[in-house]
Amino acid sequence: MSKQDEQVAMLNQVRERTLAEIARLREALQAEIEPVSASDDDAAADVASDIYERSKIISLIQSLEGKLRSIENAIAAAERGTYGICEMCGAEIPVERLEIVPETTLCVRCASKMEQNVRRWQTTLDERRAGRRRAVEYEAEEEDEDDESEDYEGAADFEDDL
């Protein structure tokens, strides 16, 4: 068996384990979603806990689905004979890194740069959202002030009528 075939086989095993974990989590989510029996007196008290548990499972599933996409990209790279070569800089990815994160297609340096860019983008997005939120709050405050001044003007008109 060639090195390329070994890489594809290893990545397919990782893929199968990931698919099995996604299936297991989906079953757990389904069990969480199924209606609670009518005789369960503590059902109302456990709603928040159930919602938290469901959101945690959904988050894990989404994370594993992202990993699955990365594994499939790595399998495609292995089939092309480029597995273990960084997609960004072309440097060889150390074997130790591939053993720990077999689905990676980036060396540590490029992965770090990409992560920094994602964090920078997320920070910018968060700042924009916060700015929009402040603008909406400011507009709402102005509308409240306009409503109050209209009330005051109406009161003056009422006093004139007296």
Protein backbone atom coordinates (compact mmCIF):
# COMPACT_ATOMS: atom_id res chain seq x y z
CA MET A 1 0.00 0.00 0.00
CA SER A 2 1.43 3.39 -1.00
CA LYS A 3 1.86 6.29 1.42
CA GLN A 4 -0.96 8.12 -0.36
CA ASP A 5 -3.31 5.13 0.04
CA GLU A 6 -2.38 4.89 3.73
CA GLN A 7 -3.18 8.58 4.21
CA VAL A 8 -6.56 8.24 2.49
CA ALA A 9 -7.38 5.12 4.54
CA MET A 10 -6.40 6.83 7.81
CA LEU A 11 -8.46 9.91 6.95
CA ASN A 12 -11.44 7.73 5.99
CA GLN A 13 -11.22 6.10 9.44
CA VAL A 14 -11.24 9.55 11.07
CA ARG A 15 -14.19 10.46 8.85
CA GLU A 16 -16.13 7.33 9.87
CA ARG A 17 -15.48 7.99 13.58
CA THR A 18 -16.65 11.57 13.14
CA LEU A 19 -19.80 10.45 11.31
CA ALA A 20 -20.51 7.93 14.09
CA GLU A 21 -20.09 10.65 16.74
CA ILE A 22 -22.44 12.97 14.83
CA ALA A 23 -25.01 10.17 14.61
CA ARG A 24 -24.66 9.46 18.34
CA LEU A 25 -25.15 13.14 19.18
CA ARG A 26 -28.19 13.39 16.90
CA GLU A 27 -29.74 10.43 18.72
CA ALA A 28 -29.01 12.13 22.05
CA LEU A 29 -30.59 15.33 20.74
CA GLN A 30 -33.65 13.41 19.60
CA ALA A 31 -33.95 11.87 23.06
CA GLU A 32 -33.74 15.37 24.56
CA ILE A 33 -36.44 16.66 22.23
CA GLU A 34 -38.95 13.86 22.76
CA PRO A 35 -41.80 15.00 25.00
CA VAL A 36 -41.52 14.56 28.70
CA SER A 37 -44.10 12.26 30.23
CA ALA A 38 -47.19 13.95 31.66
CA SER A 39 -46.52 12.46 35.09
CA ASP A 40 -43.20 14.25 35.45
CA ASP A 41 -43.88 16.93 38.08
CA ASP A 42 -40.40 18.42 37.76
CA ALA A 43 -40.71 18.97 33.99
CA ALA A 44 -41.30 22.71 34.28
CA ALA A 45 -38.32 23.12 36.58
CA ASP A 46 -36.05 21.29 34.14
CA VAL A 47 -36.93 23.32 31.04
CA ALA A 48 -33.91 25.63 31.31
CA SER A 49 -31.61 22.69 31.87
CA ASP A 50 -33.10 20.89 28.87
CA ILE A 51 -32.65 23.93 26.64
CA TYR A 52 -29.03 24.27 27.75
CA GLU A 53 -28.36 20.59 27.09
CA ARG A 54 -29.95 20.76 23.65
CA SER A 55 -27.95 23.83 22.67
CA LYS A 56 -24.76 22.16 23.86
CA ILE A 57 -25.47 19.06 21.74
CA ILE A 58 -26.35 21.21 18.71
CA SER A 59 -23.09 23.12 19.13
CA LEU A 60 -21.11 19.87 19.29
CA ILE A 61 -22.84 18.60 16.16
CA GLN A 62 -22.05 21.82 14.30
CA SER A 63 -18.43 21.62 15.39
CA LEU A 64 -18.14 18.02 14.21
CA GLU A 65 -19.80 18.90 10.90
CA GLY A 66 -17.11 21.55 10.41
CA LYS A 67 -14.47 18.95 11.25
CA LEU A 68 -16.09 16.58 8.75
CA ARG A 69 -15.79 19.20 5.99
CA SER A 70 -12.11 19.62 6.90
CA ILE A 71 -11.59 15.85 6.83
CA GLU A 72 -13.16 15.66 3.39
CA ASN A 73 -10.83 18.45 2.19
CA ALA A 74 -7.87 16.54 3.63
CA ILE A 75 -9.02 13.33 1.88
CA ALA A 76 -9.20 15.23 -1.41
CA ALA A 77 -5.68 16.57 -0.78
CA ALA A 78 -4.44 13.04 -0.01
CA GLU A 79 -5.99 11.75 -3.22
CA ARG A 80 -4.22 14.54 -5.15
CA GLY A 81 -0.97 13.69 -3.38
CA THR A 82 -0.77 17.04 -1.60
CA TYR A 83 -1.73 15.89 1.91
CA GLY A 84 0.77 17.15 4.46
CA ILE A 85 1.63 20.25 2.42
CA CYS A 86 0.32 23.60 3.66
CA GLU A 87 -2.30 25.01 1.30
CA MET A 88 -1.20 28.58 2.03
CA CYS A 89 2.59 28.61 2.05
CA GLY A 90 3.47 25.22 0.52
CA ALA A 91 5.62 24.17 3.48
CA GLU A 92 5.55 20.59 4.73
CA ILE A 93 3.25 20.11 7.71
CA PRO A 94 5.08 18.26 10.50
CA VAL A 95 3.96 14.66 11.01
CA GLU A 96 3.31 15.38 14.70
CA ARG A 97 0.74 18.02 13.74
CA LEU A 98 -0.94 15.65 11.27
CA GLU A 99 -1.15 12.97 13.98
CA ILE A 100 -2.85 15.39 16.36
CA VAL A 101 -5.04 17.16 13.77
CA PRO A 102 -5.22 14.80 10.78
CA GLU A 103 -7.77 16.97 8.97
CA THR A 104 -5.49 20.00 8.85
CA THR A 105 -4.31 21.39 5.55
CA LEU A 106 -2.36 24.28 7.11
CA CYS A 107 0.94 24.47 8.95
CA VAL A 108 0.91 25.96 12.44
CA ARG A 109 2.12 29.37 11.26
CA CYS A 110 -0.55 29.72 8.55
CA ALA A 111 -3.29 28.32 10.80
CA SER A 112 -2.32 30.89 13.43
CA LYS A 113 -2.44 33.71 10.86
CA MET A 114 -5.84 32.54 9.67
CA GLU A 115 -7.14 32.34 13.23
CA GLN A 116 -5.90 35.88 13.94
CA ASN A 117 -7.70 37.12 10.83
CA VAL A 118 -10.89 35.38 11.93
CA ARG A 119 -10.59 36.92 15.41
CA ARG A 120 -9.91 40.35 13.89
CA TRP A 121 -12.91 39.97 11.59
CA GLN A 122 -15.09 38.81 14.50
CA THR A 123 -13.98 41.78 16.61
CA THR A 124 -14.80 44.17 13.77
CA LEU A 125 -18.18 42.52 13.31
CA ASP A 126 -18.88 42.72 17.06
CA GLU A 127 -17.92 46.41 17.08
CA ARG A 128 -20.22 47.10 14.14
CA ARG A 129 -23.07 45.28 15.85
CA ALA A 130 -22.46 47.23 19.06
CA GLY A 131 -22.43 50.48 17.06
CA ARG A 132 -25.73 49.59 15.40
CA ARG A 133 -27.19 48.68 18.78
CA ARG A 134 -26.09 52.03 20.21
CA ALA A 135 -27.54 53.84 17.18
CA VAL A 136 -30.88 52.05 17.57
CA GLU A 137 -30.91 52.83 21.31
CA TYR A 138 -30.09 56.48 20.56
CA GLU A 139 -32.89 56.69 17.97
CA ALA A 140 -35.29 55.14 20.48
CA GLU A 141 -34.25 57.71 23.09
CA GLU A 142 -34.82 60.54 20.58
CA GLU A 143 -38.27 59.18 19.76
CA ASP A 144 -39.09 59.05 23.49
CA GLU A 145 -37.94 62.67 23.86
CA ASP A 146 -40.06 63.70 20.84
CA ASP A 147 -43.07 61.98 22.39
CA GLU A 148 -42.47 63.81 25.67
CA SER A 149 -42.16 67.21 23.94
CA GLU A 150 -45.41 66.54 22.04
CA ASP A 151 -47.08 65.76 25.35
CA TYR A 152 -45.77 69.02 26.76
CA GLU A 153 -46.96 71.04 23.71
CA GLY A 154 -50.37 69.43 24.07
CA ALA A 155 -50.44 70.51 27.70
CA ALA A 156 -49.65 74.11 26.68
CA ASP A 157 -52.51 74.07 24.16
CA PHE A 158 -54.80 72.77 26.89
CA GLU A 159 -53.75 75.59 29.21
CA ASP A 160 -54.47 78.14 26.44
CA ASP A 161 -57.98 76.79 26.16
CA LEU A 162 -58.60 77.47 29.85
